[in-house]
Every structure is written in structure tokens, then in C-alpha cells.
Amino acid sequence: METILEQQRRYHEERERLMDVMVKEMLTKKGLCPGPIGLAGPTCCLQSVQHRAGLRLCQCHLVFPPVTCPCTHSLRKEELSAISGPNEFAEFYNRLKQIKEFHRKHPNEICVPMSVEFEELLKARDNPSEEAQNLVEFTDEEGYGRYLDLHDCYLKYINLKSSEKLDYITYLSTFDQLFDIPKERKNAEYKRYLEMLLEYLQDYTDRVKPLLDQNELFGKIQTEFEKKWENSTFPGWPKETSSALTHAGAHLDLSAFSSWEELASLGLDRLKSALLALGLKCGGTLEERAQRLFSTKGKSLEALDPSLFAKNPKTKGSKRDTERNKDLAFLEAQIYEYVEVLGEQRHLTHENVQRKQARTGEEREEEEEEQISESESEDEENEIIYNPKNLPLGWDGKPIPYWLYKLHGLNINYNCEICGNYTYQGPKAFQRHFAEWRHAHGMRCLGIPNTAHFANVTQIEDAVSLWAKLKQQKASERWQPDTEEEYEDSSGNVVNKKTYEDLKRQGLL
């Protein structure tokens, strides 16, 4: 049985090997499923395997509390105490004895190393089966994940009650503008349409972007939606105003009336308006309305008899309607987010539908054949080019001929110490580099001007000695007034400045 430390080592090795395979998988050019889809499918499977290995490794390292895995905790504790105690050598020889005893009893036991499993995985990647190549399936309309296929959702939408009759290309531009649909049209049939549209977008996202964590996306949508719903800022669902019974009608000042008979003279309509403004019952005869309204004189609404207030028929179902509206709004919030995630595919779908509508059936078939041939040519171009002599690549991305390589002297390397031992191929590149930034920077670091005197000088020592010689030569050529400036004495003799000053100090002039 493997020890807990050996299990940890194995899980670490498995995670590192899986990471290496995923990197190679992402770097491999795929012929099928153009775009990132062919890469993301196998990578997603490998990522899930790595995630499971990581969970097992966390348990071994006690990242989770010991309560959740007491067995692992005790095994690790026993293992550490056994190998770190005073009898570690005895423990070592005891385990060695157990290993020898096991192999003596099972001489034909075969242990397959992990490297063999991953070698088979790489072979399966290089020679995939038909089932492995078709990990992701798309309809003809979806074009290997390039476009959306919303025809079923479109048919469902145009069959909704009171829905606008529009064509498919207009639907592609406006199917996410759910906030423009009136609330009165958002019924049970509309909810089924939203569920159908959301189910397709989720399934399409899972096929096109399998590396996207939809559970994390769902949590993000839910958090943002709850904030907007509480603040009544979610588009298409403004805050509901209170009941019309509390605001309809006009208030009436009862201080000017001393009896209900005087109120009765106002008529049925005015009394009804005043009762509605207070939220009271507005039915009955003229006398009953006047008496009911006069009974509120000098009283607050809280002090009135509850039987006088009108019953709101919407009170019972208001909570249920709010929950139903919230469910519909949350479906819309998810659709908004998925449309944003699939923005590129939606744009390409719109262009593709426009292009198809402007072409005949034969032209569409020719376009499909061209796309297939282009994908095959791309596969050929992406193949690794055979270049054993490491020749430079030409304009077509292929190595230049060897005779041309030698004609330009590219087989000769020139090393420049001033440029940090940078190597230049060919005399043309070597001569050109003296005027480039790398050589000029190296000369500037040496404190030497990059002039024509230092052409073809590549060694630092040569450049420094040449610069010292040039400075000495310039110093010798500089005009010296003590020896070169001439003076004339009183006798007309021409002497230099130094001799003249000496004679002058001695008083011989």
C-alpha cells in the first residue's frame, strides 16, 4: 500500500504532467473545428481531471479541516512520526523488507509508470479516432461554432400572442431587447420562450467555450440582478406604483360641512371621488356615501373602522405576481449576459444571414467548398517546415535556397563585443549595424563617440585604445600660447611668449 507521502508525490506528478499535456494541446494546430473550439474541447477534459487531482492533493495536504477527512489526517500524522522519530533507520529497513517480501510473493506483478499513460495520451492526440475528433457537434447552420442557429427560437417568438411580425435578420438584431416588450405581454408563453432561448444559449456556450465556468457566470449574474432588482433599476421592470385606489380621486375638506345632508348636495360623483382619495368604499346610495364620508371628519385613517375601507382584489395575488415577475426578469438577465459573451458569434451570424440572402443556392455551395479548401490549405501551411540547416525564411515563409544563403555570405557570422557579443549573419548586416541603436548604445556606455574613426571596430579594448590615441593626437595638435605665441623685443628680435616674459622680468628688454 502506498504511503500518504507517496500519494502526495504522485498527485503532484499527475498535475504537472497534465499541465504539460494541456500546454502541448493548446500549441497543437487543429485541422477540424476551426478556431479555438478544437483546442478547448480536449483541454476542458484535461482540466477537469487536473481539478480532481488537485482536490485529492488538497485532502492529503490537510487544506480541508481534519473533521472532513479524519482518516487522511491520522495516516499523515502516523507517517510523519514514523519517519521523523528516533528509530528512522529501523523503519527504513522494515519497509525495505516489506517491499522485498511483496515482490517475492508477486514476481509477475507489473507496475505501469505514469509516463507510459501520458505517452499513450500523446499518441491518441497525434492519431485521434473518429469519436475523439467529433467531441463537439454543430448543426449545418452553426458552421462549426462560427454562427448561431436561432431559427427555432425565432419561430417560437413570432407565434407569441401580440408579438411583432418580423423577419429573421431583424430578429437577430433585436432578440435581446427584451426591455422593449410591454409587461402585459410577458405571460406564461413568454416565459417558455425565454427558457427555450436561454437553454440554447447555454448549450451553445458550453460547446463553443467549454473553458468558461458557467457556474461562476451564474453567480455573477445572480448577484448583479439582486442589486438591480432591489433598487428597481433593472431594465424593463420599473418600480410599481402603489394601488390606484389610494391616489385616484380628489380630497375634500370636510371642515366647511356641519352635517352629512350638506355633503349629499355635492352629488354622487364628487362623493365617490372623495371616498376614493381616502381609500374607502365608494358604493351605495347618495345618503350612504355622504354618511360614510362625514364619519371621517376630524379622524385619522388609523382611527377609522376597518370595515369602511375598500378591499383591494390584487392584495392576495400581489406577492405571487412579484415572484413571477422576478423569475421572468432573472431569465432576461441571464439572456443579456450570454448575448454579451457571444457577441462575436452574433455579429458573424448577422453578416452570414445577409450574405446568404443575397446569393443563390449554387453560390452558397461554392462558398462552402471554398471554406473547406481554405481550412485544408491552412492546415498545410501550419505544418512544421523541414529546415535542418536553420536557413532564414523568405517572403513566403519557407527557407531560402542554400546557394542564395551562401551568395549573401549569411553562412559567415560576425561577433561584436561592443554590442554585448551579439552575432550578425553576413557582411551586409554587419556593416549596417555600426549605424544602428545597439552599437551606438554600446559606444555611449563606453563614453566614446560613435564616429567614422571607429568603423569596423568590434572589440572594447581596441575602441578604448583608439579613443586614447585620438585624444592624444588632438591634444598635440591643439594651439599652445606659451610656445607658439610670438613677441618682438626693442631690438626687433622675435621671441616666444615664455622667453619674452623671462627677459622682461630680468629687465633686459
Protein backbone atom coordinates (compact mmCIF):
# COMPACT_ATOMS: atom_id res chain seq x y z
CA MET A 1 0.00 0.00 0.00
CA GLU A 2 1.31 3.46 -0.88
CA THR A 3 2.12 5.80 1.97
CA ILE A 4 0.44 9.17 2.25
CA LEU A 5 3.64 10.95 1.18
CA GLU A 6 3.92 8.76 -1.90
CA GLN A 7 0.32 9.60 -2.78
CA GLN A 8 1.13 13.30 -2.48
CA ARG A 9 4.15 12.88 -4.75
CA ARG A 10 2.03 11.00 -7.29
CA TYR A 11 -0.70 13.65 -7.30
CA HIS A 12 1.91 16.41 -7.76
CA GLU A 13 3.43 14.50 -10.67
CA GLU A 14 0.00 13.93 -12.21
CA ARG A 15 -0.87 17.63 -12.03
CA GLU A 16 2.45 18.67 -13.59
CA ARG A 17 2.11 16.13 -16.40
CA LEU A 18 -1.47 17.22 -17.06
CA MET A 19 -0.34 20.85 -17.23
CA ASP A 20 2.38 19.88 -19.73
CA VAL A 21 -0.15 17.98 -21.87
CA MET A 22 -2.57 20.93 -21.81
CA VAL A 23 0.19 23.29 -22.97
CA LYS A 24 1.08 20.96 -25.84
CA GLU A 25 -2.61 20.59 -26.67
CA MET A 26 -3.05 24.36 -26.92
CA LEU A 27 0.05 24.68 -29.12
CA THR A 28 -1.12 21.94 -31.49
CA LYS A 29 -2.78 23.15 -34.68
CA LYS A 30 -6.17 21.54 -35.22
CA GLY A 31 -7.48 20.69 -38.66
CA LEU A 32 -11.06 20.05 -37.57
CA CYS A 33 -13.29 22.56 -35.84
CA PRO A 34 -11.56 25.78 -36.95
CA GLY A 35 -10.87 28.30 -34.25
CA PRO A 36 -10.43 27.70 -30.55
CA ILE A 37 -13.17 25.05 -30.33
CA GLY A 38 -10.98 22.16 -31.43
CA LEU A 39 -8.41 23.18 -28.82
CA ALA A 40 -10.76 23.86 -25.93
CA GLY A 41 -12.64 20.54 -26.02
CA PRO A 42 -9.78 18.18 -25.05
CA THR A 43 -8.27 20.87 -22.84
CA CYS A 44 -11.52 21.09 -20.88
CA CYS A 45 -11.44 17.32 -20.24
CA LEU A 46 -7.83 17.52 -19.08
CA GLN A 47 -8.68 20.49 -16.89
CA SER A 48 -11.43 18.55 -15.11
CA VAL A 49 -9.01 15.65 -14.48
CA GLN A 50 -6.45 18.09 -13.09
CA HIS A 51 -9.11 19.63 -10.87
CA ARG A 52 -9.96 16.23 -9.37
CA ALA A 53 -6.27 15.50 -8.78
CA GLY A 54 -5.96 18.88 -7.09
CA LEU A 55 -8.86 18.09 -4.74
CA ARG A 56 -7.27 14.80 -3.73
CA LEU A 57 -3.96 16.60 -3.21
CA CYS A 58 -5.66 19.21 -1.01
CA GLN A 59 -7.03 16.44 1.19
CA CYS A 60 -3.57 14.92 1.52
CA HIS A 61 -2.05 18.29 2.42
CA LEU A 62 -4.78 18.96 5.00
CA VAL A 63 -6.10 22.01 3.16
CA PHE A 64 -9.53 20.77 4.26
CA PRO A 65 -10.20 20.52 8.01
CA PRO A 66 -9.34 17.18 9.64
CA VAL A 67 -13.03 16.73 10.54
CA THR A 68 -13.89 16.17 6.86
CA CYS A 69 -11.11 13.62 6.34
CA PRO A 70 -10.02 12.17 9.74
CA CYS A 71 -8.59 9.07 8.07
CA THR A 72 -6.17 11.11 5.95
CA HIS A 73 -5.23 13.21 8.94
CA SER A 74 -4.33 10.18 11.09
CA LEU A 75 -2.40 8.48 8.26
CA ARG A 76 -0.32 11.57 7.60
CA LYS A 77 0.36 12.04 11.30
CA GLU A 78 1.47 8.42 11.71
CA GLU A 79 3.66 8.63 8.59
CA LEU A 80 5.46 11.77 9.76
CA SER A 81 6.00 10.40 13.26
CA ALA A 82 7.39 7.13 11.84
CA ILE A 83 9.99 8.73 9.55
CA SER A 84 10.97 11.55 11.90
CA GLY A 85 11.26 9.55 15.14
CA PRO A 86 14.42 8.20 16.78
CA ASN A 87 14.12 4.82 15.01
CA GLU A 88 14.06 6.11 11.43
CA PHE A 89 16.69 3.62 10.22
CA ALA A 90 14.79 0.70 11.69
CA GLU A 91 11.66 1.97 9.97
CA PHE A 92 13.56 2.24 6.68
CA TYR A 93 14.83 -1.36 6.80
CA ASN A 94 11.43 -2.59 7.88
CA ARG A 95 9.80 -1.01 4.83
CA LEU A 96 12.56 -2.34 2.59
CA LYS A 97 11.87 -5.80 3.94
CA GLN A 98 8.15 -5.42 3.20
CA ILE A 99 8.89 -4.36 -0.38
CA LYS A 100 11.16 -7.36 -0.96
CA GLU A 101 8.60 -9.69 0.60
CA PHE A 102 5.87 -8.30 -1.65
CA HIS A 103 7.92 -8.81 -4.83
CA ARG A 104 8.88 -12.31 -3.69
CA LYS A 105 5.22 -13.26 -3.37
CA HIS A 106 4.24 -11.49 -6.61
CA PRO A 107 7.14 -11.97 -9.03
CA ASN A 108 4.99 -11.30 -12.10
CA GLU A 109 3.47 -8.08 -10.80
CA ILE A 110 3.72 -5.35 -13.44
CA CYS A 111 3.87 -1.71 -12.41
CA VAL A 112 2.91 0.71 -15.16
CA PRO A 113 4.60 4.10 -14.60
CA MET A 114 2.62 7.28 -15.10
CA SER A 115 4.85 8.30 -18.00
CA VAL A 116 3.50 5.37 -20.07
CA GLU A 117 -0.09 6.53 -19.54
CA PHE A 118 0.72 10.03 -20.75
CA GLU A 119 2.71 8.70 -23.72
CA GLU A 120 -0.41 6.81 -24.81
CA LEU A 121 -2.39 10.02 -24.34
CA LEU A 122 0.01 11.88 -26.64
CA LYS A 123 -0.25 9.09 -29.23
CA ALA A 124 -4.03 9.32 -29.08
CA ARG A 125 -3.74 13.07 -29.66
CA ASP A 126 -1.47 12.63 -32.70
CA ASN A 127 -3.69 9.87 -34.15
CA PRO A 128 -7.19 10.71 -32.95
CA SER A 129 -10.10 8.36 -33.53
CA GLU A 130 -13.27 9.46 -35.28
CA GLU A 131 -15.10 9.66 -31.96
CA ALA A 132 -12.38 11.87 -30.47
CA GLN A 133 -12.47 14.17 -33.49
CA ASN A 134 -16.22 14.68 -33.11
CA LEU A 135 -16.23 15.70 -29.45
CA VAL A 136 -18.41 18.70 -30.28
CA GLU A 137 -21.31 18.54 -32.72
CA PHE A 138 -22.80 21.52 -34.54
CA THR A 139 -25.64 21.92 -36.98
CA ASP A 140 -25.01 22.98 -40.57
CA GLU A 141 -26.34 26.44 -39.76
CA GLU A 142 -23.88 26.87 -36.88
CA GLY A 143 -20.86 26.23 -39.13
CA TYR A 144 -18.52 24.59 -36.59
CA GLY A 145 -19.37 27.17 -33.95
CA ARG A 146 -18.99 30.28 -36.10
CA TYR A 147 -22.67 31.24 -36.16
CA LEU A 148 -25.82 30.99 -34.03
CA ASP A 149 -28.81 28.91 -35.09
CA LEU A 150 -31.84 30.73 -33.65
CA HIS A 151 -34.45 29.55 -36.14
CA ASP A 152 -36.42 27.54 -33.56
CA CYS A 153 -36.39 30.44 -31.11
CA TYR A 154 -37.44 32.78 -33.91
CA LEU A 155 -40.46 30.60 -34.76
CA LYS A 156 -41.40 30.47 -31.09
CA TYR A 157 -41.18 34.26 -30.82
CA ILE A 158 -43.29 35.13 -33.85
CA ASN A 159 -46.00 32.73 -32.62
CA LEU A 160 -46.33 34.55 -29.31
CA LYS A 161 -49.60 36.34 -28.78
CA SER A 162 -49.47 40.02 -29.82
CA SER A 163 -45.85 39.67 -30.97
CA GLU A 164 -44.49 41.76 -33.81
CA LYS A 165 -44.17 40.07 -37.19
CA LEU A 166 -40.57 40.50 -38.28
CA ASP A 167 -38.07 38.66 -40.45
CA TYR A 168 -35.20 36.51 -39.18
CA ILE A 169 -32.43 39.03 -39.80
CA THR A 170 -34.33 41.70 -37.83
CA TYR A 171 -34.88 39.19 -35.04
CA LEU A 172 -31.12 38.60 -34.83
CA SER A 173 -30.62 42.31 -34.19
CA THR A 174 -33.39 42.72 -31.63
CA PHE A 175 -33.90 39.38 -29.85
CA ASP A 176 -32.02 40.64 -26.77
CA GLN A 177 -34.03 43.87 -26.49
CA LEU A 178 -36.46 42.27 -24.04
CA PHE A 179 -36.87 45.52 -22.11
CA ASP A 180 -38.91 46.95 -25.01
CA ILE A 181 -41.61 44.29 -24.65
CA PRO A 182 -44.57 45.58 -22.57
CA LYS A 183 -45.17 43.87 -19.22
CA GLU A 184 -48.71 42.96 -20.27
CA ARG A 185 -47.30 40.59 -22.94
CA LYS A 186 -44.93 38.81 -20.55
CA ASN A 187 -47.15 35.84 -19.76
CA ALA A 188 -46.59 32.10 -19.31
CA GLU A 189 -46.00 31.58 -23.05
CA TYR A 190 -43.39 34.33 -22.99
CA LYS A 191 -41.67 32.59 -20.08
CA ARG A 192 -41.47 29.34 -22.08
CA TYR A 193 -39.91 31.30 -24.94
CA LEU A 194 -37.28 32.78 -22.59
CA GLU A 195 -36.47 29.34 -21.18
CA MET A 196 -36.05 27.95 -24.70
CA LEU A 197 -33.78 30.81 -25.77
CA LEU A 198 -31.70 30.62 -22.58
CA GLU A 199 -31.32 26.85 -22.87
CA TYR A 200 -29.96 27.18 -26.41
CA LEU A 201 -27.53 29.98 -25.46
CA GLN A 202 -26.22 27.96 -22.50
CA ASP A 203 -25.78 24.83 -24.61
CA TYR A 204 -24.10 26.76 -27.43
CA THR A 205 -21.75 28.50 -24.98
CA ASP A 206 -20.86 25.13 -23.45
CA ARG A 207 -19.92 23.82 -26.91
CA VAL A 208 -18.12 26.92 -28.19
CA LYS A 209 -16.42 27.99 -24.95
CA PRO A 210 -16.07 24.87 -22.79
CA LEU A 211 -13.38 26.51 -20.66
CA LEU A 212 -15.85 29.17 -19.48
CA ASP A 213 -17.09 28.40 -15.96
CA GLN A 214 -20.86 28.80 -16.30
CA ASN A 215 -21.44 28.22 -12.58
CA GLU A 216 -19.25 31.22 -11.80
CA LEU A 217 -21.05 33.20 -14.51
CA PHE A 218 -24.42 32.26 -12.99
CA GLY A 219 -23.33 33.50 -9.56
CA LYS A 220 -22.14 36.79 -11.05
CA ILE A 221 -25.45 37.29 -12.90
CA GLN A 222 -27.48 36.48 -9.78
CA THR A 223 -25.54 38.93 -7.59
CA GLU A 224 -25.85 41.82 -10.04
CA PHE A 225 -29.53 41.04 -10.68
CA GLU A 226 -30.45 41.07 -6.97
CA LYS A 227 -28.87 44.51 -6.55
CA LYS A 228 -30.69 45.95 -9.56
CA TRP A 229 -34.00 44.35 -8.58
CA GLU A 230 -33.85 45.74 -5.04
CA ASN A 231 -33.02 49.20 -6.39
CA SER A 232 -35.71 48.89 -9.10
CA THR A 233 -33.12 49.71 -11.79
CA PHE A 234 -33.40 46.51 -13.82
CA PRO A 235 -34.27 47.41 -17.44
CA GLY A 236 -37.86 46.70 -18.44
CA TRP A 237 -39.11 46.29 -14.87
CA PRO A 238 -39.55 49.74 -13.24
CA LYS A 239 -40.77 50.11 -9.69
CA GLU A 240 -44.51 49.53 -9.45
CA THR A 241 -46.58 52.43 -8.25
CA SER A 242 -49.00 51.90 -5.41
CA SER A 243 -52.62 51.00 -5.95
CA ALA A 244 -54.82 53.34 -7.93
CA LEU A 245 -57.41 53.37 -5.14
CA THR A 246 -55.06 55.31 -2.86
CA HIS A 247 -54.36 58.04 -5.38
CA ALA A 248 -57.45 58.25 -7.59
CA GLY A 249 -59.99 60.94 -6.84
CA ALA A 250 -59.72 64.32 -5.15
CA HIS A 251 -59.60 65.08 -1.45
CA LEU A 252 -62.45 67.08 0.09
CA ASP A 253 -62.13 69.50 3.02
CA LEU A 254 -64.89 68.50 5.49
CA SER A 255 -64.40 71.45 7.84
CA ALA A 256 -66.88 73.52 5.82
CA PHE A 257 -69.68 70.97 6.32
CA SER A 258 -71.67 70.58 9.55
CA SER A 259 -73.83 67.58 8.58
CA TRP A 260 -73.97 64.74 6.09
CA GLU A 261 -77.01 66.36 4.42
CA GLU A 262 -74.81 69.23 3.27
CA LEU A 263 -72.38 66.68 1.79
CA ALA A 264 -75.21 64.99 -0.06
CA SER A 265 -75.80 68.17 -2.00
CA LEU A 266 -72.42 67.64 -3.78
CA GLY A 267 -73.72 64.69 -5.77
CA LEU A 268 -72.69 61.07 -6.29
CA ASP A 269 -69.60 61.68 -8.43
CA ARG A 270 -67.96 64.17 -6.07
CA LEU A 271 -68.58 61.97 -3.05
CA LYS A 272 -67.18 58.95 -4.88
CA SER A 273 -64.03 60.90 -5.79
CA ALA A 274 -63.50 61.96 -2.16
CA LEU A 275 -64.04 58.41 -0.89
CA LEU A 276 -61.57 57.02 -3.45
CA ALA A 277 -58.96 59.53 -2.34
CA LEU A 278 -59.22 58.14 1.21
CA GLY A 279 -59.34 54.51 0.10
CA LEU A 280 -62.87 53.99 1.46
CA LYS A 281 -65.76 52.11 -0.04
CA CYS A 282 -67.40 54.22 -2.73
CA GLY A 283 -70.57 52.24 -3.37
CA GLY A 284 -74.11 52.65 -2.08
CA THR A 285 -76.75 55.35 -2.33
CA LEU A 286 -76.15 59.08 -2.09
CA GLU A 287 -77.10 59.13 1.62
CA GLU A 288 -74.82 56.18 2.46
CA ARG A 289 -71.85 57.78 0.72
CA ALA A 290 -72.45 61.11 2.44
CA GLN A 291 -72.76 59.47 5.89
CA ARG A 292 -69.66 57.35 5.29
CA LEU A 293 -67.59 60.35 4.23
CA PHE A 294 -68.90 62.60 7.07
CA SER A 295 -67.96 59.92 9.64
CA THR A 296 -64.28 60.53 8.80
CA LYS A 297 -64.40 64.20 9.81
CA GLY A 298 -61.76 65.02 12.41
CA LYS A 299 -60.35 61.45 12.47
CA SER A 300 -57.14 59.94 11.16
CA LEU A 301 -57.18 56.97 8.81
CA GLU A 302 -55.84 54.70 11.57
CA ALA A 303 -58.80 55.58 13.84
CA LEU A 304 -61.43 54.65 11.25
CA ASP A 305 -63.38 51.41 11.29
CA PRO A 306 -61.56 48.85 9.05
CA SER A 307 -64.91 47.83 7.56
CA LEU A 308 -65.13 51.24 5.87
CA PHE A 309 -62.04 50.62 3.72
CA ALA A 310 -62.31 49.15 0.25
CA LYS A 311 -60.81 45.69 -0.26
CA ASN A 312 -58.03 45.53 -2.82
CA PRO A 313 -58.57 42.45 -5.03
CA LYS A 314 -54.91 42.47 -6.01
CA THR A 315 -53.61 42.15 -2.44
CA LYS A 316 -53.82 38.36 -2.33
CA GLY A 317 -52.01 37.80 -5.59
CA SER A 318 -49.55 40.69 -5.40
CA LYS A 319 -46.83 38.63 -3.72
CA ARG A 320 -47.28 35.80 -6.18
CA ASP A 321 -47.18 38.23 -9.12
CA THR A 322 -43.99 39.82 -7.76
CA GLU A 323 -42.28 36.44 -7.56
CA ARG A 324 -43.43 35.58 -11.09
CA ASN A 325 -42.13 38.90 -12.41
CA LYS A 326 -38.82 38.40 -10.62
CA ASP A 327 -38.39 34.96 -12.21
CA LEU A 328 -39.05 36.43 -15.66
CA ALA A 329 -36.63 39.29 -15.04
CA PHE A 330 -33.92 36.86 -13.90
CA LEU A 331 -34.33 34.85 -17.10
CA GLU A 332 -33.91 38.09 -19.05
CA ALA A 333 -30.79 38.97 -17.03
CA GLN A 334 -29.19 35.63 -17.94
CA ILE A 335 -30.01 36.14 -21.62
CA TYR A 336 -28.45 39.63 -21.55
CA GLU A 337 -25.20 38.21 -20.14
CA TYR A 338 -24.98 35.28 -22.56
CA VAL A 339 -25.65 37.55 -25.54
CA GLU A 340 -22.73 39.70 -24.37
CA VAL A 341 -20.50 36.62 -24.07
CA LEU A 342 -21.46 35.50 -27.59
CA GLY A 343 -21.24 38.97 -29.12
CA GLU A 344 -18.71 37.96 -31.79
CA GLN A 345 -20.77 34.95 -32.94
CA ARG A 346 -23.90 37.06 -33.07
CA HIS A 347 -22.21 39.67 -35.27
CA LEU A 348 -20.89 36.99 -37.63
CA THR A 349 -24.33 35.36 -37.76
CA HIS A 350 -25.94 38.62 -38.82
CA GLU A 351 -23.38 39.08 -41.61
CA ASN A 352 -23.72 35.45 -42.71
CA VAL A 353 -27.51 35.65 -42.98
CA GLN A 354 -27.26 38.86 -45.01
CA ARG A 355 -24.71 37.25 -47.31
CA LYS A 356 -26.83 34.12 -47.77
CA GLN A 357 -29.95 36.10 -48.60
CA ALA A 358 -28.07 37.91 -51.37
CA ARG A 359 -26.79 34.69 -53.01
CA THR A 360 -28.27 31.80 -54.90
CA GLY A 361 -28.10 28.17 -53.81
CA GLU A 362 -25.22 27.41 -56.18
CA GLU A 363 -23.19 30.35 -54.89
CA ARG A 364 -23.71 29.20 -51.30
CA GLU A 365 -22.49 25.69 -52.17
CA GLU A 366 -19.39 27.15 -53.86
CA GLU A 367 -18.69 29.27 -50.78
CA GLU A 368 -18.88 26.20 -48.52
CA GLU A 369 -16.44 24.33 -50.79
CA GLU A 370 -14.06 27.31 -50.70
CA GLN A 371 -14.18 27.37 -46.91
CA ILE A 372 -13.32 23.66 -46.77
CA SER A 373 -10.40 24.10 -49.19
CA GLU A 374 -9.17 27.15 -47.24
CA SER A 375 -9.18 25.19 -43.99
CA GLU A 376 -7.20 22.39 -45.67
CA SER A 377 -4.67 24.85 -47.09
CA GLU A 378 -4.32 26.46 -43.65
CA ASP A 379 -3.56 23.04 -42.21
CA GLU A 380 -0.83 22.57 -44.81
CA GLU A 381 0.62 25.99 -44.06
CA ASN A 382 0.61 25.31 -40.33
CA GLU A 383 2.68 22.16 -40.75
CA ILE A 384 6.23 22.27 -39.34
CA ILE A 385 8.67 23.24 -42.13
CA TYR A 386 11.68 20.97 -42.66
CA ASN A 387 14.70 23.22 -42.13
CA PRO A 388 17.69 21.19 -40.85
CA LYS A 389 20.29 23.86 -41.76
CA ASN A 390 18.33 26.61 -39.99
CA LEU A 391 18.17 28.79 -43.11
CA PRO A 392 16.43 32.19 -42.97
CA LEU A 393 12.81 32.30 -44.12
CA GLY A 394 11.81 34.11 -47.29
CA TRP A 395 8.74 36.20 -48.06
CA ASP A 396 6.63 33.05 -48.45
CA GLY A 397 7.55 31.72 -45.03
CA LYS A 398 9.77 28.98 -46.46
CA PRO A 399 13.58 28.64 -46.16
CA ILE A 400 15.56 30.43 -48.87
CA PRO A 401 17.74 28.31 -51.25
CA TYR A 402 21.13 27.30 -49.89
CA TRP A 403 23.01 28.85 -52.84
CA LEU A 404 21.35 32.20 -52.12
CA TYR A 405 22.25 31.76 -48.46
CA LYS A 406 25.96 31.41 -49.35
CA LEU A 407 25.84 34.11 -52.05
CA HIS A 408 24.90 36.76 -49.49
CA GLY A 409 27.51 35.44 -47.07
CA LEU A 410 24.89 34.51 -44.49
CA ASN A 411 26.97 31.48 -43.54
CA ILE A 412 29.60 33.85 -42.06
CA ASN A 413 28.95 35.09 -38.52
CA TYR A 414 30.39 38.35 -37.15
CA ASN A 415 30.58 38.86 -33.40
CA CYS A 416 30.58 42.37 -31.88
CA GLU A 417 31.78 42.68 -28.28
CA ILE A 418 30.62 46.30 -28.06
CA CYS A 419 27.03 45.15 -28.82
CA GLY A 420 27.13 42.64 -25.96
CA ASN A 421 28.63 39.80 -28.06
CA TYR A 422 25.71 39.99 -30.48
CA THR A 423 26.16 37.88 -33.62
CA TYR A 424 25.39 39.22 -37.11
CA GLN A 425 24.87 36.99 -40.14
CA GLY A 426 26.50 38.20 -43.34
CA PRO A 427 28.69 41.22 -44.13
CA LYS A 428 25.74 43.40 -45.10
CA ALA A 429 24.07 43.12 -41.69
CA PHE A 430 27.46 43.54 -40.01
CA GLN A 431 28.29 46.80 -41.82
CA ARG A 432 24.78 48.15 -41.26
CA HIS A 433 24.84 47.54 -37.52
CA PHE A 434 27.50 50.22 -36.89
CA ALA A 435 24.86 52.89 -37.51
CA GLU A 436 22.12 51.11 -35.55
CA TRP A 437 20.97 51.71 -31.99
CA ARG A 438 22.60 48.66 -30.39
CA HIS A 439 26.15 49.60 -31.40
CA ALA A 440 25.56 53.30 -30.66
CA HIS A 441 24.30 52.40 -27.18
CA GLY A 442 27.40 50.27 -26.52
CA MET A 443 29.70 53.11 -27.59
CA ARG A 444 27.78 55.56 -25.40
CA CYS A 445 28.23 53.25 -22.40
CA LEU A 446 32.00 53.29 -23.05
CA GLY A 447 31.99 57.09 -23.20
CA ILE A 448 33.21 57.08 -26.81
CA PRO A 449 31.55 58.98 -29.68
CA ASN A 450 30.27 56.72 -32.47
CA THR A 451 32.19 58.42 -35.30
CA ALA A 452 33.69 57.13 -38.54
CA HIS A 453 37.05 56.62 -36.82
CA PHE A 454 35.61 53.53 -35.09
CA ALA A 455 34.22 51.82 -38.19
CA ASN A 456 34.77 48.03 -38.17
CA VAL A 457 35.99 48.17 -34.55
CA THR A 458 34.18 45.45 -32.58
CA GLN A 459 36.45 44.87 -29.55
CA ILE A 460 36.11 47.04 -26.46
CA GLU A 461 39.87 47.11 -25.85
CA ASP A 462 40.55 48.27 -29.42
CA ALA A 463 37.95 51.00 -29.19
CA VAL A 464 39.30 52.30 -25.85
CA SER A 465 42.94 52.34 -27.06
CA LEU A 466 41.95 54.04 -30.32
CA TRP A 467 39.99 56.67 -28.40
CA ALA A 468 43.04 57.34 -26.15
CA LYS A 469 45.28 57.68 -29.20
CA LEU A 470 42.84 60.08 -30.86
CA LYS A 471 42.65 62.22 -27.71
CA GLN A 472 46.46 62.33 -27.52
CA GLN A 473 46.71 63.30 -31.18
CA LYS A 474 44.14 66.06 -30.76
CA ALA A 475 45.96 67.34 -27.69
CA SER A 476 49.24 67.58 -29.62
CA GLU A 477 47.53 69.46 -32.44
CA ARG A 478 45.98 71.99 -30.08
CA TRP A 479 47.47 75.57 -30.15
CA GLN A 480 49.82 76.30 -27.18
CA PRO A 481 50.28 80.05 -26.47
CA ASP A 482 53.45 79.65 -24.30
CA THR A 483 55.48 78.24 -27.16
CA GLU A 484 53.64 79.37 -30.28
CA GLU A 485 52.68 82.97 -29.45
CA GLU A 486 55.42 85.36 -30.80
CA TYR A 487 56.68 88.67 -29.33
CA GLU A 488 59.20 91.31 -30.57
CA ASP A 489 61.77 92.98 -28.27
CA SER A 490 63.16 96.55 -28.55
CA SER A 491 65.92 95.37 -30.87
CA GLY A 492 63.43 93.78 -33.27
CA ASN A 493 64.21 90.20 -32.30
CA VAL A 494 61.23 87.75 -32.48
CA VAL A 495 60.88 85.50 -29.42
CA ASN A 496 58.07 83.34 -28.00
CA LYS A 497 55.91 84.37 -25.08
CA LYS A 498 57.82 82.45 -22.42
CA THR A 499 61.21 83.92 -23.44
CA TYR A 500 59.72 87.39 -23.65
CA GLU A 501 58.30 87.15 -20.12
CA ASP A 502 61.67 85.93 -18.75
CA LEU A 503 63.59 88.82 -20.38
CA LYS A 504 61.03 91.28 -19.15
CA ARG A 505 61.35 90.09 -15.52
CA GLN A 506 65.17 90.35 -15.78
CA GLY A 507 64.98 93.90 -17.17
CA LEU A 508 66.96 93.02 -20.29
CA LEU A 509 64.46 94.50 -22.75
